[in-house]
Amino acid sequence: MRALNLVTLILVIVGGLNWGLIGLFGFNLVTAIFGATVLTPIVYILVGLSALWQLVPLSRSFAAGEVAAERGYPPTGRSL
């Protein structure tokens, strides 16, 4: 499961960087790499599925309180 989380996280990062390039420069990295082939929509589908998968570890971290701990909040949940 750890390998799947790593692969999906990398794909989500690639997707985010691609959207950043599109927004800033109008440059689509995925299309530049794969062209107008059948691979381009497959990459987009994999990035979308990866984003959905990343909701699983995110929800687990919220349930375990990891996200709050990383932000430095007190473990009691009281605000600073």
N, C-alpha and C. Protein backbone atom coordinates (compact mmCIF):
# COMPACT_ATOMS: atom_id res chain seq x y z
N MET A 1 0.83 -1.19 0.00
CA MET A 1 0.00 0.00 0.00
C MET A 1 0.88 1.25 0.00
N ARG A 2 2.04 1.19 0.63
CA ARG A 2 2.93 2.34 0.68
C ARG A 2 3.40 2.72 -0.72
N ALA A 3 3.70 1.71 -1.55
CA ALA A 3 4.16 1.99 -2.92
C ALA A 3 3.04 2.66 -3.72
N LEU A 4 1.81 2.19 -3.53
CA LEU A 4 0.67 2.79 -4.23
C LEU A 4 0.48 4.24 -3.80
N ASN A 5 0.63 4.51 -2.50
CA ASN A 5 0.51 5.89 -2.02
C ASN A 5 1.58 6.78 -2.62
N LEU A 6 2.80 6.25 -2.74
CA LEU A 6 3.89 7.04 -3.31
C LEU A 6 3.65 7.33 -4.79
N VAL A 7 3.24 6.32 -5.54
CA VAL A 7 2.97 6.50 -6.98
C VAL A 7 1.84 7.49 -7.19
N THR A 8 0.76 7.34 -6.42
CA THR A 8 -0.37 8.25 -6.60
C THR A 8 -0.01 9.67 -6.18
N LEU A 9 0.80 9.80 -5.13
CA LEU A 9 1.22 11.14 -4.71
C LEU A 9 2.06 11.81 -5.80
N ILE A 10 2.95 11.06 -6.42
CA ILE A 10 3.77 11.60 -7.51
C ILE A 10 2.88 12.03 -8.67
N LEU A 11 1.89 11.22 -9.01
CA LEU A 11 0.98 11.59 -10.11
C LEU A 11 0.17 12.84 -9.77
N VAL A 12 -0.25 12.98 -8.53
CA VAL A 12 -1.00 14.17 -8.13
C VAL A 12 -0.09 15.41 -8.22
N ILE A 13 1.16 15.26 -7.83
CA ILE A 13 2.11 16.38 -7.93
C ILE A 13 2.34 16.75 -9.38
N VAL A 14 2.52 15.75 -10.24
CA VAL A 14 2.70 16.00 -11.67
C VAL A 14 1.47 16.72 -12.24
N GLY A 15 0.28 16.28 -11.84
CA GLY A 15 -0.94 16.93 -12.29
C GLY A 15 -1.03 18.37 -11.83
N GLY A 16 -0.65 18.62 -10.58
CA GLY A 16 -0.67 19.98 -10.06
C GLY A 16 0.33 20.88 -10.76
N LEU A 17 1.52 20.35 -11.01
CA LEU A 17 2.52 21.12 -11.75
C LEU A 17 2.05 21.42 -13.18
N ASN A 18 1.40 20.43 -13.79
CA ASN A 18 0.88 20.63 -15.14
C ASN A 18 -0.17 21.75 -15.15
N TRP A 19 -1.08 21.74 -14.17
CA TRP A 19 -2.09 22.81 -14.10
C TRP A 19 -1.44 24.16 -13.83
N GLY A 20 -0.39 24.17 -13.04
CA GLY A 20 0.33 25.42 -12.80
C GLY A 20 0.96 25.96 -14.08
N LEU A 21 1.55 25.07 -14.86
CA LEU A 21 2.13 25.48 -16.14
C LEU A 21 1.07 25.98 -17.11
N ILE A 22 -0.08 25.31 -17.11
CA ILE A 22 -1.17 25.74 -17.99
C ILE A 22 -1.65 27.13 -17.57
N GLY A 23 -1.84 27.33 -16.27
CA GLY A 23 -2.33 28.61 -15.78
C GLY A 23 -1.36 29.75 -15.98
N LEU A 24 -0.09 29.49 -15.75
CA LEU A 24 0.91 30.55 -15.84
C LEU A 24 1.37 30.85 -17.27
N PHE A 25 1.58 29.79 -18.04
CA PHE A 25 2.22 29.97 -19.34
C PHE A 25 1.41 29.43 -20.52
N GLY A 26 0.27 28.79 -20.23
CA GLY A 26 -0.51 28.18 -21.30
C GLY A 26 0.21 26.97 -21.91
N PHE A 27 1.11 26.36 -21.13
CA PHE A 27 1.90 25.23 -21.61
C PHE A 27 1.41 23.95 -20.95
N ASN A 28 0.99 22.98 -21.75
CA ASN A 28 0.50 21.70 -21.25
C ASN A 28 1.62 20.68 -21.36
N LEU A 29 2.22 20.33 -20.23
CA LEU A 29 3.36 19.41 -20.20
C LEU A 29 2.97 18.02 -20.67
N VAL A 30 1.80 17.54 -20.28
CA VAL A 30 1.38 16.20 -20.66
C VAL A 30 1.22 16.10 -22.18
N THR A 31 0.60 17.09 -22.77
CA THR A 31 0.45 17.10 -24.23
C THR A 31 1.80 17.26 -24.91
N ALA A 32 2.70 18.03 -24.32
CA ALA A 32 4.03 18.20 -24.89
C ALA A 32 4.81 16.88 -24.88
N ILE A 33 4.63 16.10 -23.84
CA ILE A 33 5.35 14.82 -23.74
C ILE A 33 4.71 13.75 -24.61
N PHE A 34 3.39 13.60 -24.53
CA PHE A 34 2.71 12.49 -25.21
C PHE A 34 2.05 12.88 -26.52
N GLY A 35 1.92 14.17 -26.78
CA GLY A 35 1.26 14.60 -28.01
C GLY A 35 -0.23 14.31 -27.94
N ALA A 36 -0.86 14.32 -29.10
CA ALA A 36 -2.30 14.06 -29.17
C ALA A 36 -2.53 12.57 -29.39
N THR A 37 -1.98 11.76 -28.50
CA THR A 37 -2.14 10.31 -28.61
C THR A 37 -3.16 9.81 -27.60
N VAL A 38 -3.38 8.54 -27.62
CA VAL A 38 -4.32 7.93 -26.67
C VAL A 38 -3.75 7.97 -25.25
N LEU A 39 -2.45 8.19 -25.11
CA LEU A 39 -1.84 8.22 -23.77
C LEU A 39 -2.22 9.45 -22.97
N THR A 40 -2.48 10.56 -23.64
CA THR A 40 -2.79 11.81 -22.94
C THR A 40 -4.03 11.67 -22.05
N PRO A 41 -5.17 11.21 -22.57
CA PRO A 41 -6.32 11.06 -21.65
C PRO A 41 -6.09 9.98 -20.60
N ILE A 42 -5.26 8.98 -20.90
CA ILE A 42 -4.97 7.96 -19.89
C ILE A 42 -4.20 8.58 -18.73
N VAL A 43 -3.24 9.46 -19.04
CA VAL A 43 -2.50 10.15 -17.98
C VAL A 43 -3.45 10.98 -17.13
N TYR A 44 -4.36 11.72 -17.79
CA TYR A 44 -5.32 12.54 -17.03
C TYR A 44 -6.21 11.67 -16.15
N ILE A 45 -6.63 10.54 -16.65
CA ILE A 45 -7.46 9.62 -15.85
C ILE A 45 -6.68 9.10 -14.66
N LEU A 46 -5.42 8.73 -14.87
CA LEU A 46 -4.59 8.23 -13.78
C LEU A 46 -4.34 9.32 -12.72
N VAL A 47 -4.15 10.54 -13.16
CA VAL A 47 -3.96 11.64 -12.20
C VAL A 47 -5.24 11.85 -11.40
N GLY A 48 -6.39 11.82 -12.04
CA GLY A 48 -7.66 11.97 -11.34
C GLY A 48 -7.92 10.85 -10.35
N LEU A 49 -7.64 9.62 -10.76
CA LEU A 49 -7.81 8.48 -9.85
C LEU A 49 -6.82 8.56 -8.69
N SER A 50 -5.63 9.06 -8.98
CA SER A 50 -4.64 9.23 -7.92
C SER A 50 -5.10 10.25 -6.89
N ALA A 51 -5.71 11.32 -7.36
CA ALA A 51 -6.24 12.33 -6.43
C ALA A 51 -7.32 11.72 -5.54
N LEU A 52 -8.18 10.92 -6.14
CA LEU A 52 -9.20 10.24 -5.33
C LEU A 52 -8.57 9.30 -4.31
N TRP A 53 -7.55 8.57 -4.73
CA TRP A 53 -6.88 7.64 -3.82
C TRP A 53 -6.22 8.38 -2.67
N GLN A 54 -5.66 9.55 -2.93
CA GLN A 54 -4.97 10.31 -1.89
C GLN A 54 -5.93 10.81 -0.81
N LEU A 55 -7.22 10.74 -1.07
CA LEU A 55 -8.19 11.08 -0.03
C LEU A 55 -8.15 10.07 1.12
N VAL A 56 -7.75 8.82 0.81
CA VAL A 56 -7.68 7.78 1.84
C VAL A 56 -6.62 8.12 2.89
N PRO A 57 -5.35 8.34 2.50
CA PRO A 57 -4.38 8.69 3.55
C PRO A 57 -4.67 10.03 4.21
N LEU A 58 -5.26 10.96 3.47
CA LEU A 58 -5.62 12.24 4.07
C LEU A 58 -6.65 12.05 5.18
N SER A 59 -7.67 11.26 4.90
CA SER A 59 -8.71 11.03 5.92
C SER A 59 -8.14 10.27 7.11
N ARG A 60 -7.20 9.35 6.85
CA ARG A 60 -6.57 8.63 7.97
C ARG A 60 -5.73 9.57 8.82
N SER A 61 -5.05 10.51 8.18
CA SER A 61 -4.23 11.44 8.96
C SER A 61 -5.10 12.36 9.80
N PHE A 62 -6.27 12.76 9.27
CA PHE A 62 -7.19 13.55 10.07
C PHE A 62 -7.70 12.75 11.25
N ALA A 63 -8.03 11.48 11.02
CA ALA A 63 -8.54 10.64 12.09
C ALA A 63 -7.49 10.40 13.16
N ALA A 64 -6.23 10.30 12.78
CA ALA A 64 -5.16 10.04 13.73
C ALA A 64 -4.64 11.31 14.37
N GLY A 65 -5.08 12.46 13.88
CA GLY A 65 -4.63 13.72 14.42
C GLY A 65 -3.25 14.13 13.92
N GLU A 66 -2.74 13.48 12.89
CA GLU A 66 -1.40 13.77 12.39
C GLU A 66 -1.32 15.18 11.80
N VAL A 67 -2.33 15.59 11.09
CA VAL A 67 -2.27 16.90 10.44
C VAL A 67 -2.18 18.00 11.47
N ALA A 68 -2.97 17.91 12.53
CA ALA A 68 -2.92 18.91 13.59
C ALA A 68 -1.56 18.89 14.27
N ALA A 69 -0.99 17.72 14.47
CA ALA A 69 0.31 17.62 15.12
C ALA A 69 1.39 18.24 14.25
N GLU A 70 1.30 18.08 12.94
CA GLU A 70 2.29 18.65 12.05
C GLU A 70 2.21 20.18 12.04
N ARG A 71 1.06 20.72 12.30
CA ARG A 71 0.89 22.17 12.33
C ARG A 71 1.35 22.74 13.66
N GLY A 72 1.59 21.90 14.64
CA GLY A 72 2.06 22.36 15.93
C GLY A 72 0.95 22.74 16.89
N TYR A 73 -0.29 22.34 16.59
CA TYR A 73 -1.38 22.63 17.51
C TYR A 73 -1.22 21.76 18.75
N PRO A 74 -1.75 22.23 19.86
CA PRO A 74 -1.69 21.39 21.08
C PRO A 74 -2.52 20.13 20.88
N PRO A 75 -2.09 19.03 21.46
CA PRO A 75 -2.81 17.77 21.29
C PRO A 75 -4.20 17.78 21.91
N THR A 76 -4.49 18.72 22.78
CA THR A 76 -5.82 18.76 23.40
C THR A 76 -6.86 19.36 22.45
N GLY A 77 -6.40 19.98 21.40
CA GLY A 77 -7.33 20.58 20.46
C GLY A 77 -7.69 22.02 20.79
N ARG A 78 -7.14 22.53 21.92
CA ARG A 78 -7.40 23.92 22.27
C ARG A 78 -6.66 24.85 21.33
N SER A 79 -7.27 25.95 20.99
CA SER A 79 -6.62 26.92 20.12
C SER A 79 -5.55 27.68 20.89
N LEU A 80 -4.60 28.20 20.13
CA LEU A 80 -3.49 28.95 20.76
C LEU A 80 -3.89 30.33 21.12
